[in-house]
Amino acid sequence: DSKSTDRPARSILTLKPLPTINPKDKRKGVLEEPESAKKVTKSDFDAAQIAKDEEIARLLEVELQAELERKRQRGTSIHGLHCKLI
């Protein structure tokens, strides 16, 4: 029960030969040492925490100023709320 197809059979003789590897080529190259990572110190963590705290303080200041402005526009006053963040 072999069905004939319109595709011709591929001959093994038409295939390209595999490339050969020169036995003298050992694939040795220059090995590069990876850069050693900088050791993270406590002061690095402290500096990162300070930077985060400053960013949060800036965002909070903007939010508080926007809230104050909205309340001023509505005509209500905030009694005794005067904050200044460092």
N, C-alpha and C. Protein backbone atom coordinates (compact mmCIF):
# COMPACT_ATOMS: atom_id res chain seq x y z
N ASP A 1 0.83 -1.19 0.00
CA ASP A 1 0.00 0.00 0.00
C ASP A 1 0.87 1.24 0.00
N SER A 2 1.73 1.37 -0.90
CA SER A 2 2.53 2.59 -0.95
C SER A 2 1.83 3.60 -1.84
N LYS A 3 1.70 4.80 -1.33
CA LYS A 3 1.03 5.86 -2.07
C LYS A 3 2.11 6.69 -2.75
N SER A 4 1.89 7.03 -3.98
CA SER A 4 2.88 7.84 -4.68
C SER A 4 2.62 9.31 -4.36
N THR A 5 3.70 10.05 -4.22
CA THR A 5 3.59 11.48 -3.96
C THR A 5 4.26 12.22 -5.09
N ASP A 6 3.95 13.49 -5.19
CA ASP A 6 4.54 14.31 -6.24
C ASP A 6 5.94 14.77 -5.87
N ARG A 7 6.32 14.62 -4.60
CA ARG A 7 7.66 15.04 -4.17
C ARG A 7 8.68 13.98 -4.56
N PRO A 8 9.79 14.42 -5.13
CA PRO A 8 10.83 13.44 -5.45
C PRO A 8 11.56 13.02 -4.18
N ALA A 9 12.04 11.83 -4.16
CA ALA A 9 12.81 11.33 -3.02
C ALA A 9 14.15 12.04 -2.98
N ARG A 10 14.64 12.31 -1.81
CA ARG A 10 15.90 13.03 -1.66
C ARG A 10 17.04 12.02 -1.63
N SER A 11 18.01 12.28 -2.40
CA SER A 11 19.13 11.37 -2.50
C SER A 11 20.15 11.69 -1.42
N ILE A 12 20.75 10.69 -0.84
CA ILE A 12 21.79 10.87 0.16
C ILE A 12 23.02 11.50 -0.47
N LEU A 13 23.23 11.27 -1.71
CA LEU A 13 24.42 11.78 -2.39
C LEU A 13 24.39 13.29 -2.57
N THR A 14 23.22 13.92 -2.50
CA THR A 14 23.14 15.37 -2.69
C THR A 14 23.33 16.14 -1.39
N LEU A 15 23.41 15.47 -0.26
CA LEU A 15 23.60 16.15 1.01
C LEU A 15 25.03 16.65 1.13
N LYS A 16 25.22 17.77 1.79
CA LYS A 16 26.55 18.32 2.01
C LYS A 16 27.25 17.51 3.09
N PRO A 17 28.54 17.31 2.95
CA PRO A 17 29.26 16.58 4.00
C PRO A 17 29.39 17.43 5.26
N LEU A 18 29.48 16.79 6.40
CA LEU A 18 29.63 17.49 7.66
C LEU A 18 31.01 18.15 7.72
N PRO A 19 31.11 19.31 8.33
CA PRO A 19 32.43 19.95 8.43
C PRO A 19 33.32 19.14 9.37
N THR A 20 34.59 19.11 9.04
CA THR A 20 35.53 18.38 9.88
C THR A 20 36.22 19.34 10.83
N ILE A 21 36.63 18.85 11.96
CA ILE A 21 37.30 19.66 12.96
C ILE A 21 38.78 19.35 12.90
N ASN A 22 39.58 20.39 12.83
CA ASN A 22 41.02 20.23 12.80
C ASN A 22 41.46 19.69 14.15
N PRO A 23 42.18 18.57 14.19
CA PRO A 23 42.59 18.00 15.48
C PRO A 23 43.55 18.91 16.26
N LYS A 24 44.21 19.84 15.57
CA LYS A 24 45.13 20.75 16.26
C LYS A 24 44.37 21.86 16.99
N ASP A 25 43.14 22.10 16.57
CA ASP A 25 42.34 23.16 17.17
C ASP A 25 41.73 22.64 18.47
N LYS A 26 42.24 23.11 19.58
CA LYS A 26 41.77 22.64 20.89
C LYS A 26 40.72 23.58 21.50
N ARG A 27 40.34 24.63 20.77
CA ARG A 27 39.35 25.61 21.24
C ARG A 27 39.76 26.25 22.56
N LYS A 28 41.05 26.45 22.73
CA LYS A 28 41.51 27.10 23.94
C LYS A 28 41.55 28.60 23.69
N GLY A 29 40.98 29.33 24.57
CA GLY A 29 40.98 30.78 24.46
C GLY A 29 41.41 31.38 25.77
N VAL A 30 41.37 32.68 25.83
CA VAL A 30 41.73 33.37 27.06
C VAL A 30 40.52 33.37 27.97
N LEU A 31 40.68 32.85 29.16
CA LEU A 31 39.61 32.86 30.14
C LEU A 31 39.65 34.18 30.89
N GLU A 32 38.50 34.80 31.03
CA GLU A 32 38.43 36.05 31.76
C GLU A 32 37.80 35.78 33.11
N GLU A 33 38.42 36.31 34.13
CA GLU A 33 37.87 36.18 35.48
C GLU A 33 36.70 37.15 35.62
N PRO A 34 35.60 36.71 36.17
CA PRO A 34 34.49 37.63 36.38
C PRO A 34 34.85 38.66 37.44
N GLU A 35 34.30 39.86 37.26
CA GLU A 35 34.57 40.90 38.25
C GLU A 35 33.97 40.51 39.58
N SER A 36 34.73 40.70 40.62
CA SER A 36 34.20 40.37 41.94
C SER A 36 33.19 41.44 42.33
N ALA A 37 32.11 41.00 42.90
CA ALA A 37 31.06 41.92 43.31
C ALA A 37 31.53 42.72 44.52
N LYS A 38 31.13 43.98 44.55
CA LYS A 38 31.49 44.83 45.68
C LYS A 38 30.76 44.32 46.91
N LYS A 39 31.47 44.20 47.99
CA LYS A 39 30.86 43.75 49.23
C LYS A 39 29.95 44.86 49.76
N VAL A 40 28.73 44.51 50.05
CA VAL A 40 27.75 45.48 50.53
C VAL A 40 27.93 45.62 52.04
N THR A 41 28.08 46.86 52.46
CA THR A 41 28.30 47.12 53.88
C THR A 41 27.03 47.67 54.52
N LYS A 42 27.05 47.76 55.83
CA LYS A 42 25.91 48.31 56.57
C LYS A 42 25.65 49.75 56.17
N SER A 43 26.72 50.49 55.90
CA SER A 43 26.53 51.89 55.51
C SER A 43 25.82 51.99 54.15
N ASP A 44 26.04 51.00 53.27
CA ASP A 44 25.32 50.99 51.99
C ASP A 44 23.82 50.80 52.23
N PHE A 45 23.48 49.88 53.14
CA PHE A 45 22.08 49.67 53.47
C PHE A 45 21.48 50.92 54.12
N ASP A 46 22.25 51.56 55.00
CA ASP A 46 21.78 52.77 55.66
C ASP A 46 21.53 53.87 54.63
N ALA A 47 22.44 54.04 53.68
CA ALA A 47 22.29 55.06 52.65
C ALA A 47 21.06 54.78 51.79
N ALA A 48 20.83 53.52 51.47
CA ALA A 48 19.66 53.16 50.67
C ALA A 48 18.38 53.44 51.44
N GLN A 49 18.37 53.14 52.74
CA GLN A 49 17.19 53.40 53.55
C GLN A 49 16.92 54.89 53.67
N ILE A 50 17.97 55.68 53.83
CA ILE A 50 17.82 57.14 53.91
C ILE A 50 17.23 57.67 52.61
N ALA A 51 17.73 57.18 51.48
CA ALA A 51 17.21 57.63 50.19
C ALA A 51 15.73 57.27 50.04
N LYS A 52 15.35 56.08 50.48
CA LYS A 52 13.93 55.68 50.43
C LYS A 52 13.09 56.58 51.31
N ASP A 53 13.59 56.85 52.53
CA ASP A 53 12.85 57.70 53.46
C ASP A 53 12.67 59.10 52.90
N GLU A 54 13.70 59.64 52.26
CA GLU A 54 13.60 60.98 51.67
C GLU A 54 12.56 61.00 50.56
N GLU A 55 12.54 59.97 49.73
CA GLU A 55 11.57 59.89 48.64
C GLU A 55 10.15 59.80 49.20
N ILE A 56 9.95 59.00 50.22
CA ILE A 56 8.63 58.89 50.84
C ILE A 56 8.21 60.23 51.45
N ALA A 57 9.15 60.92 52.07
CA ALA A 57 8.84 62.23 52.66
C ALA A 57 8.44 63.22 51.58
N ARG A 58 9.13 63.20 50.44
CA ARG A 58 8.77 64.10 49.33
C ARG A 58 7.37 63.78 48.82
N LEU A 59 7.08 62.49 48.64
CA LEU A 59 5.75 62.11 48.15
C LEU A 59 4.66 62.48 49.14
N LEU A 60 4.92 62.29 50.42
CA LEU A 60 3.96 62.65 51.45
C LEU A 60 3.72 64.16 51.48
N GLU A 61 4.79 64.92 51.32
CA GLU A 61 4.67 66.38 51.30
C GLU A 61 3.78 66.82 50.12
N VAL A 62 3.99 66.23 48.95
CA VAL A 62 3.18 66.57 47.78
C VAL A 62 1.72 66.20 48.02
N GLU A 63 1.50 65.04 48.61
CA GLU A 63 0.14 64.59 48.89
C GLU A 63 -0.55 65.52 49.89
N LEU A 64 0.16 65.89 50.94
CA LEU A 64 -0.42 66.79 51.95
C LEU A 64 -0.71 68.17 51.36
N GLN A 65 0.20 68.67 50.53
CA GLN A 65 -0.03 69.98 49.89
C GLN A 65 -1.25 69.92 48.97
N ALA A 66 -1.41 68.82 48.24
CA ALA A 66 -2.56 68.67 47.36
C ALA A 66 -3.85 68.60 48.17
N GLU A 67 -3.81 67.90 49.29
CA GLU A 67 -5.00 67.81 50.15
C GLU A 67 -5.34 69.18 50.74
N LEU A 68 -4.34 69.91 51.18
CA LEU A 68 -4.58 71.26 51.71
C LEU A 68 -5.19 72.16 50.64
N GLU A 69 -4.69 72.07 49.43
CA GLU A 69 -5.21 72.89 48.35
C GLU A 69 -6.65 72.52 48.02
N ARG A 70 -6.96 71.22 48.02
CA ARG A 70 -8.35 70.80 47.77
C ARG A 70 -9.28 71.33 48.85
N LYS A 71 -8.85 71.28 50.10
CA LYS A 71 -9.70 71.75 51.19
C LYS A 71 -9.86 73.27 51.13
N ARG A 72 -8.80 73.97 50.72
CA ARG A 72 -8.92 75.43 50.57
C ARG A 72 -9.92 75.76 49.48
N GLN A 73 -9.88 75.01 48.38
CA GLN A 73 -10.80 75.27 47.28
C GLN A 73 -12.25 74.97 47.68
N ARG A 74 -12.46 74.01 48.56
CA ARG A 74 -13.81 73.69 49.02
C ARG A 74 -14.28 74.67 50.09
N GLY A 75 -13.38 75.45 50.61
CA GLY A 75 -13.77 76.43 51.60
C GLY A 75 -13.68 75.94 53.03
N THR A 76 -13.15 74.78 53.24
CA THR A 76 -13.00 74.29 54.60
C THR A 76 -11.58 74.54 55.04
N SER A 77 -11.41 74.67 56.31
CA SER A 77 -10.06 74.90 56.82
C SER A 77 -9.63 73.73 57.69
N ILE A 78 -8.35 73.53 57.73
CA ILE A 78 -7.78 72.50 58.59
C ILE A 78 -7.23 73.23 59.81
N HIS A 79 -7.82 72.93 60.95
CA HIS A 79 -7.44 73.62 62.18
C HIS A 79 -6.17 73.02 62.76
N GLY A 80 -5.16 73.85 62.90
CA GLY A 80 -3.95 73.43 63.59
C GLY A 80 -3.06 72.46 62.84
N LEU A 81 -3.26 72.29 61.54
CA LEU A 81 -2.41 71.35 60.80
C LEU A 81 -1.39 72.14 59.99
N HIS A 82 -0.21 72.24 60.51
CA HIS A 82 0.89 72.88 59.80
C HIS A 82 2.08 71.95 59.92
N CYS A 83 2.36 71.22 58.86
CA CYS A 83 3.47 70.26 58.88
C CYS A 83 4.56 70.74 57.93
N LYS A 84 5.74 70.57 58.35
CA LYS A 84 6.85 70.78 57.45
C LYS A 84 7.76 69.59 57.60
N LEU A 85 7.94 68.88 56.49
CA LEU A 85 8.82 67.72 56.50
C LEU A 85 10.21 68.15 56.08
N ILE A 86 11.16 67.52 56.68
CA ILE A 86 12.56 67.85 56.40
C ILE A 86 12.96 67.25 55.07
